[in-house]
PDB file of N, CA and C in Angstrom:
ATOM      1  N   MET A   1      50.181  76.561  84.809  1.00  0.00           N
ATOM      2  CA  MET A   1      50.330  76.668  86.276  1.00  0.00           C
ATOM      3  C   MET A   1      51.139  77.911  86.554  1.00  0.00           C
ATOM      4  N   THR A   2      50.714  78.610  87.557  1.00  0.00           N
ATOM      5  CA  THR A   2      51.416  79.802  88.015  1.00  0.00           C
ATOM      6  C   THR A   2      51.966  79.558  89.461  1.00  0.00           C
ATOM      7  N   LEU A   3      53.235  79.898  89.624  1.00  0.00           N
ATOM      8  CA  LEU A   3      53.780  79.757  90.994  1.00  0.00           C
ATOM      9  C   LEU A   3      53.933  81.076  91.626  1.00  0.00           C
ATOM     10  N   ASP A   4      53.626  81.174  92.931  1.00  0.00           N
ATOM     11  CA  ASP A   4      53.899  82.389  93.689  1.00  0.00           C
ATOM     12  C   ASP A   4      55.349  82.245  94.186  1.00  0.00           C
ATOM     13  N   ALA A   5      56.254  83.043  93.596  1.00  0.00           N
ATOM     14  CA  ALA A   5      57.641  82.906  93.924  1.00  0.00           C
ATOM     15  C   ALA A   5      58.229  84.098  94.651  1.00  0.00           C
ATOM     16  N   SER A   6      59.263  83.869  95.439  1.00  0.00           N
ATOM     17  CA  SER A   6      59.929  84.954  96.105  1.00  0.00           C
ATOM     18  C   SER A   6      61.456  84.667  96.198  1.00  0.00           C
ATOM     19  N   PHE A   7      62.216  85.681  96.004  1.00  0.00           N
ATOM     20  CA  PHE A   7      63.673  85.598  96.105  1.00  0.00           C
ATOM     21  C   PHE A   7      63.995  85.783  97.596  1.00  0.00           C
ATOM     22  N   LEU A   8      64.690  84.826  98.157  1.00  0.00           N
ATOM     23  CA  LEU A   8      65.037  84.853  99.553  1.00  0.00           C
ATOM     24  C   LEU A   8      66.310  85.591  99.927  1.00  0.00           C
ATOM     25  N   GLY A   9      67.117  85.821  98.950  1.00  0.00           N
ATOM     26  CA  GLY A   9      68.372  86.519  99.129  1.00  0.00           C
ATOM     27  C   GLY A   9      69.591  85.827  98.576  1.00  0.00           C
ATOM     28  N   SER A  10      70.784  86.531  98.626  1.00  0.00           N
ATOM     29  CA  SER A  10      71.989  85.953  98.126  1.00  0.00           C
ATOM     30  C   SER A  10      73.149  86.554  98.950  1.00  0.00           C
ATOM     31  N   GLY A  11      74.239  85.914  98.873  1.00  0.00           N
ATOM     32  CA  GLY A  11      75.452  86.388  99.576  1.00  0.00           C
ATOM     33  C   GLY A  11      76.681  85.564  99.373  1.00  0.00           C
ATOM     34  N   ALA A  12      77.816  86.151  99.666  1.00  0.00           N
ATOM     35  CA  ALA A  12      79.108  85.488  99.541  1.00  0.00           C
ATOM     36  C   ALA A  12      79.209  84.390 100.609  1.00  0.00           C
ATOM     37  N   THR A  13      79.895  83.249 100.221  1.00  0.00           N
ATOM     38  CA  THR A  13      80.105  82.169 101.158  1.00  0.00           C
ATOM     39  C   THR A  13      81.554  81.809 101.174  1.00  0.00           C
ATOM     40  N   GLY A  14      82.013  81.177 102.210  1.00  0.00           N
ATOM     41  CA  GLY A  14      83.442  80.740 102.294  1.00  0.00           C
ATOM     42  C   GLY A  14      83.662  79.986 103.602  1.00  0.00           C
ATOM     43  N   MET A  15      84.868  79.755 103.915  1.00  0.00           N
ATOM     44  CA  MET A  15      85.213  79.041 105.135  1.00  0.00           C
ATOM     45  C   MET A  15      84.716  79.868 106.321  1.00  0.00           C
ATOM     46  N   GLY A  16      83.997  79.211 107.157  1.00  0.00           N
ATOM     47  CA  GLY A  16      83.430  79.848 108.372  1.00  0.00           C
ATOM     48  C   GLY A  16      82.487  80.915 108.105  1.00  0.00           C
ATOM     49  N   GLY A  17      81.875  80.856 106.907  1.00  0.00           N
ATOM     50  CA  GLY A  17      80.847  81.874 106.522  1.00  0.00           C
ATOM     51  C   GLY A  17      81.433  83.122 105.919  1.00  0.00           C
ATOM     52  N   GLY A  18      82.784  83.223 105.863  1.00  0.00           N
ATOM     53  CA  GLY A  18      83.419  84.431 105.296  1.00  0.00           C
ATOM     54  C   GLY A  18      83.382  84.429 103.784  1.00  0.00           C
ATOM     55  N   PRO A  19      83.720  85.523 103.176  1.00  0.00           N
ATOM     56  CA  PRO A  19      83.721  85.631 101.710  1.00  0.00           C
ATOM     57  C   PRO A  19      84.888  84.932 101.080  1.00  0.00           C
ATOM     58  N   GLY A  20      84.804  84.698  99.759  1.00  0.00           N
ATOM     59  CA  GLY A  20      85.922  84.166  99.054  1.00  0.00           C
ATOM     60  C   GLY A  20      85.705  82.908  98.290  1.00  0.00           C
ATOM     61  N   MET A  21      84.720  82.109  98.617  1.00  0.00           N
ATOM     62  CA  MET A  21      84.464  80.796  97.999  1.00  0.00           C
ATOM     63  C   MET A  21      83.394  80.849  96.903  1.00  0.00           C
ATOM     64  N   GLY A  22      82.581  81.856  96.923  1.00  0.00           N
ATOM     65  CA  GLY A  22      81.520  81.896  95.869  1.00  0.00           C
ATOM     66  C   GLY A  22      80.321  82.628  96.414  1.00  0.00           C
ATOM     67  N   VAL A  23      79.187  82.454  95.705  1.00  0.00           N
ATOM     68  CA  VAL A  23      77.982  83.143  96.029  1.00  0.00           C
ATOM     69  C   VAL A  23      76.830  82.121  96.020  1.00  0.00           C
ATOM     70  N   ARG A  24      75.893  82.224  96.924  1.00  0.00           N
ATOM     71  CA  ARG A  24      74.700  81.429  96.977  1.00  0.00           C
ATOM     72  C   ARG A  24      73.477  82.266  96.946  1.00  0.00           C
ATOM     73  N   ALA A  25      72.385  81.775  96.370  1.00  0.00           N
ATOM     74  CA  ALA A  25      71.148  82.476  96.365  1.00  0.00           C
ATOM     75  C   ALA A  25      70.054  81.506  96.544  1.00  0.00           C
ATOM     76  N   GLY A  26      68.902  81.981  97.097  1.00  0.00           N
ATOM     77  CA  GLY A  26      67.766  81.064  97.353  1.00  0.00           C
ATOM     78  C   GLY A  26      66.439  81.665  96.883  1.00  0.00           C
ATOM     79  N   TRP A  27      65.533  80.778  96.460  1.00  0.00           N
ATOM     80  CA  TRP A  27      64.218  81.186  96.059  1.00  0.00           C
ATOM     81  C   TRP A  27      63.221  80.146  96.606  1.00  0.00           C
ATOM     82  N   SER A  28      62.000  80.547  96.801  1.00  0.00           N
ATOM     83  CA  SER A  28      60.942  79.697  97.266  1.00  0.00           C
ATOM     84  C   SER A  28      59.710  79.983  96.370  1.00  0.00           C
ATOM     85  N   ALA A  29      58.981  78.906  96.029  1.00  0.00           N
ATOM     86  CA  ALA A  29      57.782  79.017  95.173  1.00  0.00           C
ATOM     87  C   ALA A  29      56.746  78.047  95.681  1.00  0.00           C
ATOM     88  N   SER A  30      55.453  78.426  95.486  1.00  0.00           N
ATOM     89  CA  SER A  30      54.370  77.499  95.839  1.00  0.00           C
ATOM     90  C   SER A  30      53.142  77.738  94.949  1.00  0.00           C
ATOM     91  N   THR A  31      52.380  76.708  94.900  1.00  0.00           N
ATOM     92  CA  THR A  31      51.085  76.862  94.188  1.00  0.00           C
ATOM     93  C   THR A  31      50.151  75.717  94.646  1.00  0.00           C
ATOM     94  N   THR A  32      48.916  75.810  94.309  1.00  0.00           N
ATOM     95  CA  THR A  32      47.950  74.762  94.567  1.00  0.00           C
ATOM     96  C   THR A  32      47.340  74.316  93.249  1.00  0.00           C
ATOM     97  N   ILE A  33      47.285  73.031  93.017  1.00  0.00           N
ATOM     98  CA  ILE A  33      46.715  72.495  91.794  1.00  0.00           C
ATOM     99  C   ILE A  33      45.542  71.586  92.123  1.00  0.00           C
ATOM    100  N   ASP A  34      44.662  71.361  91.151  1.00  0.00           N
ATOM    101  CA  ASP A  34      43.568  70.416  91.249  1.00  0.00           C
ATOM    102  C   ASP A  34      44.079  69.103  90.663  1.00  0.00           C
ATOM    103  N   ARG A  35      44.147  68.091  91.512  1.00  0.00           N
ATOM    104  CA  ARG A  35      44.711  66.783  91.078  1.00  0.00           C
ATOM    105  C   ARG A  35      43.985  66.155  89.935  1.00  0.00           C
ATOM    106  N   LYS A  36      42.670  66.424  89.811  1.00  0.00           N
ATOM    107  CA  LYS A  36      41.887  65.878  88.750  1.00  0.00           C
ATOM    108  C   LYS A  36      42.310  66.389  87.377  1.00  0.00           C
ATOM    109  N   GLN A  37      42.808  67.661  87.352  1.00  0.00           N
ATOM    110  CA  GLN A  37      43.260  68.226  86.085  1.00  0.00           C
ATOM    111  C   GLN A  37      44.495  67.586  85.600  1.00  0.00           C
ATOM    112  N   TRP A  38      45.204  66.830  86.468  1.00  0.00           N
ATOM    113  CA  TRP A  38      46.456  66.118  86.088  1.00  0.00           C
ATOM    114  C   TRP A  38      46.188  64.623  85.966  1.00  0.00           C
ATOM    115  N   GLY A  39      44.968  64.208  85.899  1.00  0.00           N
ATOM    116  CA  GLY A  39      44.628  62.768  85.642  1.00  0.00           C
ATOM    117  C   GLY A  39      44.656  61.920  86.886  1.00  0.00           C
ATOM    118  N   ILE A  40      44.732  62.505  88.104  1.00  0.00           N
ATOM    119  CA  ILE A  40      44.718  61.706  89.295  1.00  0.00           C
ATOM    120  C   ILE A  40      43.314  61.615  89.791  1.00  0.00           C
ATOM    121  N   LEU A  41      42.562  60.617  89.398  1.00  0.00           N
ATOM    122  CA  LEU A  41      41.135  60.543  89.654  1.00  0.00           C
ATOM    123  C   LEU A  41      40.751  59.569  90.777  1.00  0.00           C
ATOM    124  N   TRP A  42      41.674  58.696  91.171  1.00  0.00           N
ATOM    125  CA  TRP A  42      41.298  57.728  92.214  1.00  0.00           C
ATOM    126  C   TRP A  42      40.978  58.422  93.506  1.00  0.00           C
ATOM    127  N   ASN A  43      40.019  57.848  94.202  1.00  0.00           N
ATOM    128  CA  ASN A  43      39.609  58.296  95.527  1.00  0.00           C
ATOM    129  C   ASN A  43      38.940  57.154  96.193  1.00  0.00           C
ATOM    130  N   GLN A  44      38.769  57.196  97.533  1.00  0.00           N
ATOM    131  CA  GLN A  44      38.123  56.163  98.313  1.00  0.00           C
ATOM    132  C   GLN A  44      37.145  56.808  99.254  1.00  0.00           C
ATOM    133  N   THR A  45      35.883  56.248  99.229  1.00  0.00           N
ATOM    134  CA  THR A  45      34.855  56.713 100.221  1.00  0.00           C
ATOM    135  C   THR A  45      35.137  56.096 101.533  1.00  0.00           C
ATOM    136  N   LEU A  46      35.137  56.923 102.549  1.00  0.00           N
ATOM    137  CA  LEU A  46      35.382  56.451 103.943  1.00  0.00           C
ATOM    138  C   LEU A  46      34.128  55.912 104.584  1.00  0.00           C
ATOM    139  N   ASP A  47      34.275  55.017 105.554  1.00  0.00           N
ATOM    140  CA  ASP A  47      33.114  54.418 106.229  1.00  0.00           C
ATOM    141  C   ASP A  47      32.265  55.498 106.938  1.00  0.00           C
ATOM    142  N   GLN A  48      32.905  56.526 107.453  1.00  0.00           N
ATOM    143  CA  GLN A  48      32.181  57.592 108.175  1.00  0.00           C
ATOM    144  C   GLN A  48      31.622  58.655 107.244  1.00  0.00           C
ATOM    145  N   GLY A  49      31.849  58.478 105.945  1.00  0.00           N
ATOM    146  CA  GLY A  49      31.358  59.423 104.975  1.00  0.00           C
ATOM    147  C   GLY A  49      32.551  60.296 104.523  1.00  0.00           C
ATOM    148  N   GLY A  50      32.398  60.966 103.429  1.00  0.00           N
ATOM    149  CA  GLY A  50      33.477  61.767 102.890  1.00  0.00           C
ATOM    150  C   GLY A  50      34.421  60.924 102.055  1.00  0.00           C
ATOM    151  N   THR A  51      35.487  61.540 101.596  1.00  0.00           N
ATOM    152  CA  THR A  51      36.474  60.823 100.767  1.00  0.00           C
ATOM    153  C   THR A  51      37.859  60.964 101.385  1.00  0.00           C
ATOM    154  N   MET A  52      38.731  60.014 100.963  1.00  0.00           N
ATOM    155  CA  MET A  52      40.099  59.977 101.478  1.00  0.00           C
ATOM    156  C   MET A  52      40.944  61.139 101.010  1.00  0.00           C
ATOM    157  N   LEU A  53      40.774  61.499  99.747  1.00  0.00           N
ATOM    158  CA  LEU A  53      41.588  62.582  99.140  1.00  0.00           C
ATOM    159  C   LEU A  53      40.817  63.808  98.836  1.00  0.00           C
ATOM    160  N   GLY A  54      41.399  64.963  99.075  1.00  0.00           N
ATOM    161  CA  GLY A  54      40.843  66.216  98.660  1.00  0.00           C
ATOM    162  C   GLY A  54      41.247  66.463  97.202  1.00  0.00           C
ATOM    163  N   ASP A  55      40.664  67.464  96.557  1.00  0.00           N
ATOM    164  CA  ASP A  55      41.047  67.723  95.208  1.00  0.00           C
ATOM    165  C   ASP A  55      42.261  68.624  95.088  1.00  0.00           C
ATOM    166  N   ASP A  56      42.481  69.475  96.064  1.00  0.00           N
ATOM    167  CA  ASP A  56      43.629  70.387  96.056  1.00  0.00           C
ATOM    168  C   ASP A  56      44.920  69.801  96.515  1.00  0.00           C
ATOM    169  N   VAL A  57      45.967  69.999  95.788  1.00  0.00           N
ATOM    170  CA  VAL A  57      47.294  69.546  96.194  1.00  0.00           C
ATOM    171  C   VAL A  57      48.223  70.755  96.218  1.00  0.00           C
ATOM    172  N   GLN A  58      48.876  70.987  97.356  1.00  0.00           N
ATOM    173  CA  GLN A  58      49.777  72.130  97.477  1.00  0.00           C
ATOM    174  C   GLN A  58      51.194  71.663  97.078  1.00  0.00           C
ATOM    175  N   LEU A  59      51.806  72.443  96.257  1.00  0.00           N
ATOM    176  CA  LEU A  59      53.249  72.196  95.800  1.00  0.00           C
ATOM    177  C   LEU A  59      54.120  73.232  96.397  1.00  0.00           C
ATOM    178  N   GLN A  60      55.242  72.851  96.964  1.00  0.00           N
ATOM    179  CA  GLN A  60      56.248  73.773  97.528  1.00  0.00           C
ATOM    180  C   GLN A  60      57.591  73.468  96.895  1.00  0.00           C
ATOM    181  N   LEU A  61      58.264  74.463  96.328  1.00  0.00           N
ATOM    182  CA  LEU A  61      59.539  74.344  95.710  1.00  0.00           C
ATOM    183  C   LEU A  61      60.518  75.308  96.370  1.00  0.00           C
ATOM    184  N   ASP A  62      61.627  74.741  96.918  1.00  0.00           N
ATOM    185  CA  ASP A  62      62.682  75.576  97.559  1.00  0.00           C
ATOM    186  C   ASP A  62      63.975  75.282  96.813  1.00  0.00           C
ATOM    187  N   VAL A  63      64.655  76.348  96.320  1.00  0.00           N
ATOM    188  CA  VAL A  63      65.848  76.193  95.463  1.00  0.00           C
ATOM    189  C   VAL A  63      66.962  76.972  96.026  1.00  0.00           C
ATOM    190  N   GLU A  64      68.126  76.362  96.079  1.00  0.00           N
ATOM    191  CA  GLU A  64      69.373  77.071  96.429  1.00  0.00           C
ATOM    192  C   GLU A  64      70.368  76.860  95.287  1.00  0.00           C
ATOM    193  N   ALA A  65      70.965  77.926  94.779  1.00  0.00           N
ATOM    194  CA  ALA A  65      71.958  77.875  93.732  1.00  0.00           C
ATOM    195  C   ALA A  65      73.254  78.367  94.239  1.00  0.00           C
ATOM    196  N   ALA A  66      74.363  77.788  93.746  1.00  0.00           N
ATOM    197  CA  ALA A  66      75.700  78.178  94.151  1.00  0.00           C
ATOM    198  C   ALA A  66      76.537  78.465  92.919  1.00  0.00           C
ATOM    199  N   LYS A  67      77.331  79.587  93.001  1.00  0.00           N
ATOM    200  CA  LYS A  67      78.285  79.892  91.970  1.00  0.00           C
ATOM    201  C   LYS A  67      79.640  80.028  92.632  1.00  0.00           C
ATOM    202  N   GLU A  68      80.556  79.136  92.215  1.00  0.00           N
ATOM    203  CA  GLU A  68      81.844  79.097  92.861  1.00  0.00           C
ATOM    204  C   GLU A  68      82.694  80.211  92.237  1.00  0.00           C
ATOM    205  N   SER A  69      83.493  80.897  93.056  1.00  0.00           N
ATOM    206  CA  SER A  69      84.408  81.932  92.552  1.00  0.00           C
ATOM    207  C   SER A  69      85.647  81.260  91.947  1.00  0.00           C
ATOM    208  N   PRO A  70      86.308  81.918  90.949  1.00  0.00           N
ATOM    209  CA  PRO A  70      87.510  81.358  90.373  1.00  0.00           C
ATOM    210  C   PRO A  70      88.570  81.059  91.428  1.00  0.00           C
ATOM    211  N   GLU A  71      88.691  81.886  92.446  1.00  0.00           N
ATOM    212  CA  GLU A  71      89.653  81.659  93.544  1.00  0.00           C
ATOM    213  C   GLU A  71      89.298  80.425  94.311  1.00  0.00           C
ATOM    214  N   GLY A  72      88.024  80.175  94.536  1.00  0.00           N
ATOM    215  CA  GLY A  72      87.579  78.984  95.281  1.00  0.00           C
ATOM    216  C   GLY A  72      87.843  77.665  94.500  1.00  0.00           C
ATOM    217  N   ALA A  73      87.757  77.802  93.198  1.00  0.00           N
ATOM    218  CA  ALA A  73      88.050  76.573  92.354  1.00  0.00           C
ATOM    219  C   ALA A  73      89.489  76.150  92.472  1.00  0.00           C
ATOM    220  N   LYS A  74      90.400  77.025  92.800  1.00  0.00           N
ATOM    221  CA  LYS A  74      91.786  76.713  92.905  1.00  0.00           C
ATOM    222  C   LYS A  74      92.229  76.233  94.323  1.00  0.00           C
ATOM    223  N   SER A  75      91.262  76.334  95.289  1.00  0.00           N
ATOM    224  CA  SER A  75      91.681  76.012  96.626  1.00  0.00           C
ATOM    225  C   SER A  75      91.903  74.498  96.778  1.00  0.00           C
ATOM    226  N   PRO A  76      92.753  74.073  97.748  1.00  0.00           N
ATOM    227  CA  PRO A  76      93.001  72.613  97.972  1.00  0.00           C
ATOM    228  C   PRO A  76      91.668  71.852  98.256  1.00  0.00           C
ATOM    229  N   ALA A  77      90.766  72.491  98.976  1.00  0.00           N
ATOM    230  CA  ALA A  77      89.520  71.808  99.287  1.00  0.00           C
ATOM    231  C   ALA A  77      88.667  71.530  98.041  1.00  0.00           C
ATOM    232  N   ALA A  78      88.666  72.496  97.156  1.00  0.00           N
ATOM    233  CA  ALA A  78      87.909  72.352  95.904  1.00  0.00           C
ATOM    234  C   ALA A  78      88.552  71.265  95.031  1.00  0.00           C
ATOM    235  N   ALA A  79      89.875  71.129  95.076  1.00  0.00           N
ATOM    236  CA  ALA A  79      90.535  70.112  94.238  1.00  0.00           C
ATOM    237  C   ALA A  79      90.242  68.707  94.661  1.00  0.00           C
ATOM    238  N   LYS A  80      89.870  68.487  95.921  1.00  0.00           N
ATOM    239  CA  LYS A  80      89.588  67.139  96.418  1.00  0.00           C
ATOM    240  C   LYS A  80      88.207  66.670  95.975  1.00  0.00           C
ATOM    241  N   LYS A  81      87.368  67.538  95.482  1.00  0.00           N
ATOM    242  CA  LYS A  81      85.965  67.142  95.114  1.00  0.00           C
ATOM    243  C   LYS A  81      85.953  66.386  93.851  1.00  0.00           C
TER     244      LYS A  81
END
């Protein structure tokens, strides 16, 4: 399976959006698969004709990662977690 991925960006984060607490980054990826290739074979014929399920399934993956700064780890707010 191949995903079409894109890096959405990264930046420093902190209290009120200011720097000092760490860094966050985001990615987004998507692909379309054929459900039958993954063993999902069930389907239902509708009264009006056609079937209930299509063969294509779109997958969407959105990821956010955070790296805390050493200074942020020592803050009172971080100690309460």
